[in-house]
Amino acid sequence: MPGCAGPPGRCRNPPVGEEGRAGAPVAFRPVIETLIWIAVGLVAIGLYLSWTAGRLDRLHARIDAARAALDAQLLRRASVAQELATSGVLDPAASIVLYEAAHAARQAEEEQREVAESELSQALRAVFGEPEQVEAVREAPGGEEAAGELAAAVRRVPMARRFHNDAVRAARALRRHRTVRWFRLAGHAPFPLAFEMDDEPPTALADRPGSG
């Protein structure tokens, strides 16, 4: 039999297709490697999208917490101002101005909140624009404690608003990324908005130490 070097009867024809078996793994190896790299890439993309969505969720939660803290400080400021306006330590004109502004801030709807809080800031500066007015409040019975509480409230509002707006800016910057927009990682969460208001405190109150 041609091509057979062994003893007679020992040589046989190879089965059909046997010659190509040795080369088959070599032929499929590039395809397998390509599939592996595709799988690795898909996993990496999935991990990145999951991390980005988680970061966005944390920023939204931070905004909610910061807004709750800001609302609490605004309410405290309005409450202290209203109590001071009805305490009798201010002259009648100042009492009316401060009471009306504080009442409007407490009752304002969400869409009017920024304007109402700004008007309360302006009323506070008008009433306590001079150190003499603050000293007159401190000299009245119970005035020292009232002035200290108001001083603490007017200083905390700008800090709470800054913390809230910083969180809003971070979330808005992330939501503008193409990846977040293309894959809609923000879901149905509303676009975060900063709280814009006039929160400048009266100088005479901001410079004095307030009670905790």
Protein backbone atom coordinates (compact mmCIF):
# COMPACT_ATOMS: atom_id res chain seq x y z
CA MET A 1 0.00 0.00 0.00
CA PRO A 2 1.61 3.31 -1.04
CA GLY A 3 2.97 5.42 1.80
CA CYS A 4 2.85 2.56 4.33
CA ALA A 5 6.20 1.66 5.95
CA GLY A 6 4.90 -0.90 8.41
CA PRO A 7 4.45 -4.67 8.10
CA PRO A 8 1.95 -6.01 5.56
CA GLY A 9 -1.61 -5.91 6.81
CA ARG A 10 -0.88 -3.30 9.40
CA CYS A 11 -1.41 -0.27 7.22
CA ARG A 12 -4.88 1.17 6.67
CA ASN A 13 -6.38 4.27 5.20
CA PRO A 14 -7.09 7.05 7.77
CA PRO A 15 -10.76 7.85 8.44
CA VAL A 16 -12.29 10.60 6.44
CA GLY A 17 -11.53 14.03 7.96
CA GLU A 18 -8.84 12.79 10.34
CA GLU A 19 -6.19 14.90 8.63
CA GLY A 20 -7.95 18.18 9.64
CA ARG A 21 -8.49 17.42 13.29
CA ALA A 22 -5.09 18.64 14.48
CA GLY A 23 -5.55 22.02 12.83
CA ALA A 24 -9.11 22.65 14.07
CA PRO A 25 -8.24 24.14 17.51
CA VAL A 26 -5.74 26.47 15.92
CA ALA A 27 -8.36 27.74 13.50
CA PHE A 28 -10.94 28.44 16.25
CA ARG A 29 -8.52 30.01 18.75
CA PRO A 30 -8.75 33.61 17.36
CA VAL A 31 -12.56 33.41 17.47
CA ILE A 32 -12.55 32.26 21.09
CA GLU A 33 -10.13 34.99 22.11
CA THR A 34 -12.30 37.59 20.39
CA LEU A 35 -15.40 36.37 22.23
CA ILE A 36 -13.54 36.48 25.54
CA TRP A 37 -12.43 40.08 24.96
CA ILE A 38 -15.97 41.06 23.96
CA ALA A 39 -17.30 39.49 27.15
CA VAL A 40 -14.67 41.30 29.23
CA GLY A 41 -15.56 44.60 27.55
CA LEU A 42 -19.28 44.11 28.19
CA VAL A 43 -18.62 43.32 31.85
CA ALA A 44 -16.44 46.43 32.20
CA ILE A 45 -19.13 48.60 30.60
CA GLY A 46 -21.76 47.11 32.86
CA LEU A 47 -19.65 47.75 35.95
CA TYR A 48 -19.04 51.36 34.89
CA LEU A 49 -22.74 51.98 34.25
CA SER A 50 -23.64 50.42 37.58
CA TRP A 51 -21.06 52.54 39.41
CA THR A 52 -22.26 55.71 37.65
CA ALA A 53 -25.91 54.96 38.45
CA GLY A 54 -24.99 54.30 42.07
CA ARG A 55 -23.06 57.55 42.29
CA LEU A 56 -26.01 59.43 40.81
CA ASP A 57 -28.37 57.84 43.32
CA ARG A 58 -26.08 58.88 46.16
CA LEU A 59 -25.97 62.45 44.88
CA HIS A 60 -29.76 62.56 44.67
CA ALA A 61 -29.99 61.24 48.23
CA ARG A 62 -27.48 63.86 49.31
CA ILE A 63 -29.60 66.57 47.68
CA ASP A 64 -32.72 65.34 49.49
CA ALA A 65 -30.92 65.33 52.84
CA ALA A 66 -29.40 68.77 52.20
CA ARG A 67 -32.78 70.20 51.19
CA ALA A 68 -34.38 68.83 54.34
CA ALA A 69 -31.62 70.47 56.41
CA LEU A 70 -32.07 73.76 54.54
CA ASP A 71 -35.83 73.68 55.07
CA ALA A 72 -35.27 73.08 58.77
CA GLN A 73 -32.91 76.06 59.05
CA LEU A 74 -35.25 78.33 57.09
CA LEU A 75 -38.16 77.32 59.30
CA ARG A 76 -36.10 77.93 62.43
CA ARG A 77 -35.07 81.36 61.19
CA ALA A 78 -38.68 82.33 60.41
CA SER A 79 -39.93 80.96 63.73
CA VAL A 80 -37.32 82.82 65.78
CA ALA A 81 -37.97 86.02 63.84
CA GLN A 82 -41.73 85.67 64.38
CA GLU A 83 -41.30 85.05 68.10
CA LEU A 84 -39.01 88.04 68.38
CA ALA A 85 -41.52 90.20 66.50
CA THR A 86 -44.26 89.31 69.00
CA SER A 87 -42.09 89.47 72.13
CA GLY A 88 -42.45 93.22 72.63
CA VAL A 89 -38.72 93.95 72.57
CA LEU A 90 -38.94 95.72 69.19
CA ASP A 91 -40.69 98.96 68.36
CA PRO A 92 -44.14 98.54 66.73
CA ALA A 93 -43.05 99.37 63.20
CA ALA A 94 -40.14 96.94 63.28
CA SER A 95 -42.35 94.28 64.84
CA ILE A 96 -44.92 94.55 62.04
CA VAL A 97 -42.29 94.42 59.28
CA LEU A 98 -40.53 91.42 60.79
CA TYR A 99 -43.73 89.53 61.66
CA GLU A 100 -45.25 89.90 58.21
CA ALA A 101 -42.05 88.79 56.46
CA ALA A 102 -41.59 85.80 58.78
CA HIS A 103 -45.24 84.76 58.45
CA ALA A 104 -45.08 85.00 54.65
CA ALA A 105 -41.92 82.86 54.59
CA ARG A 106 -43.57 80.15 56.71
CA GLN A 107 -46.74 80.07 54.60
CA ALA A 108 -45.20 80.41 51.13
CA GLU A 109 -45.85 77.76 48.50
CA GLU A 110 -42.84 76.02 46.99
CA GLU A 111 -42.79 78.14 43.84
CA GLN A 112 -42.82 81.33 45.94
CA ARG A 113 -40.45 80.11 48.62
CA GLU A 114 -37.27 81.71 47.31
CA VAL A 115 -38.92 85.13 47.01
CA ALA A 116 -40.50 84.93 50.47
CA GLU A 117 -37.25 83.86 52.13
CA SER A 118 -35.37 86.65 50.35
CA GLU A 119 -37.89 89.19 51.62
CA LEU A 120 -37.40 87.89 55.16
CA SER A 121 -33.64 88.38 54.77
CA GLN A 122 -34.27 91.96 53.65
CA ALA A 123 -36.60 92.58 56.58
CA LEU A 124 -34.00 91.25 59.01
CA ARG A 125 -31.37 93.56 57.57
CA ALA A 126 -33.79 96.49 57.78
CA VAL A 127 -34.68 95.82 61.41
CA PHE A 128 -31.22 94.82 62.61
CA GLY A 129 -29.12 96.95 60.32
CA GLU A 130 -27.55 98.84 63.19
CA PRO A 131 -25.77 97.38 66.23
CA GLU A 132 -27.78 99.73 68.45
CA GLN A 133 -30.98 97.85 67.57
CA VAL A 134 -29.40 94.55 68.51
CA GLU A 135 -28.17 96.00 71.81
CA ALA A 136 -31.67 97.30 72.53
CA VAL A 137 -33.03 93.78 72.03
CA ARG A 138 -30.36 92.27 74.27
CA GLU A 139 -31.16 94.69 77.09
CA ALA A 140 -34.85 93.76 77.13
CA PRO A 141 -36.04 90.86 79.34
CA GLY A 142 -35.35 87.65 77.46
CA GLY A 143 -33.72 89.61 74.67
CA GLU A 144 -30.24 88.15 75.13
CA GLU A 145 -31.46 84.62 74.42
CA ALA A 146 -33.68 85.77 71.54
CA ALA A 147 -30.85 87.69 69.89
CA GLY A 148 -28.52 84.71 70.27
CA GLU A 149 -31.02 82.31 68.70
CA LEU A 150 -31.66 84.65 65.79
CA ALA A 151 -27.93 85.19 65.26
CA ALA A 152 -27.39 81.43 65.08
CA ALA A 153 -30.33 81.01 62.68
CA VAL A 154 -29.27 83.70 60.22
CA ARG A 155 -25.74 82.28 60.07
CA ARG A 156 -26.83 78.69 59.50
CA VAL A 157 -29.13 79.42 56.57
CA PRO A 158 -26.30 80.41 54.16
CA MET A 159 -24.25 77.38 55.19
CA ALA A 160 -27.19 75.00 54.65
CA ARG A 161 -28.02 76.59 51.31
CA ARG A 162 -24.39 76.36 50.15
CA PHE A 163 -24.24 72.67 51.08
CA HIS A 164 -27.48 72.02 49.18
CA ASN A 165 -26.41 73.92 46.08
CA ASP A 166 -23.01 72.20 46.02
CA ALA A 167 -24.79 68.83 45.91
CA VAL A 168 -27.08 70.13 43.15
CA ARG A 169 -24.12 71.28 41.06
CA ALA A 170 -22.40 67.91 41.40
CA ALA A 171 -25.53 66.02 40.38
CA ARG A 172 -26.25 68.32 37.45
CA ALA A 173 -22.67 67.96 36.17
CA LEU A 174 -22.95 64.17 36.28
CA ARG A 175 -26.36 64.15 34.64
CA ARG A 176 -25.00 66.15 31.71
CA HIS A 177 -22.54 63.38 30.82
CA ARG A 178 -23.36 61.58 27.58
CA THR A 179 -23.30 58.17 29.24
CA VAL A 180 -25.94 59.20 31.77
CA ARG A 181 -28.14 60.72 29.06
CA TRP A 182 -27.73 57.93 26.52
CA PHE A 183 -28.46 55.13 28.97
CA ARG A 184 -30.98 57.21 30.97
CA LEU A 185 -29.29 56.35 34.23
CA ALA A 186 -31.18 59.12 36.05
CA GLY A 187 -34.47 57.38 35.40
CA HIS A 188 -37.47 59.60 36.13
CA ALA A 189 -35.76 61.67 38.82
CA PRO A 190 -36.39 65.41 38.27
CA PHE A 191 -33.48 67.56 37.23
CA PRO A 192 -32.06 69.04 40.46
CA LEU A 193 -32.50 72.77 40.97
CA ALA A 194 -30.50 75.09 43.19
CA PHE A 195 -32.25 77.13 45.87
CA GLU A 196 -31.63 80.75 44.94
CA MET A 197 -32.37 83.40 47.53
CA ASP A 198 -30.96 86.44 49.26
CA ASP A 199 -29.51 84.93 52.43
CA GLU A 200 -27.16 87.72 53.48
CA PRO A 201 -27.56 88.14 57.24
CA PRO A 202 -27.60 91.47 59.08
CA THR A 203 -24.01 92.43 59.86
CA ALA A 204 -24.87 93.25 63.46
CA LEU A 205 -26.24 89.74 63.99
CA ALA A 206 -23.76 87.79 61.89
CA ASP A 207 -20.79 89.21 63.81
CA ARG A 208 -22.00 88.24 67.26
CA PRO A 209 -21.73 84.71 68.65
CA GLY A 210 -25.01 82.87 68.63
CA SER A 211 -26.25 80.13 70.85
CA GLY A 212 -26.27 76.56 69.53
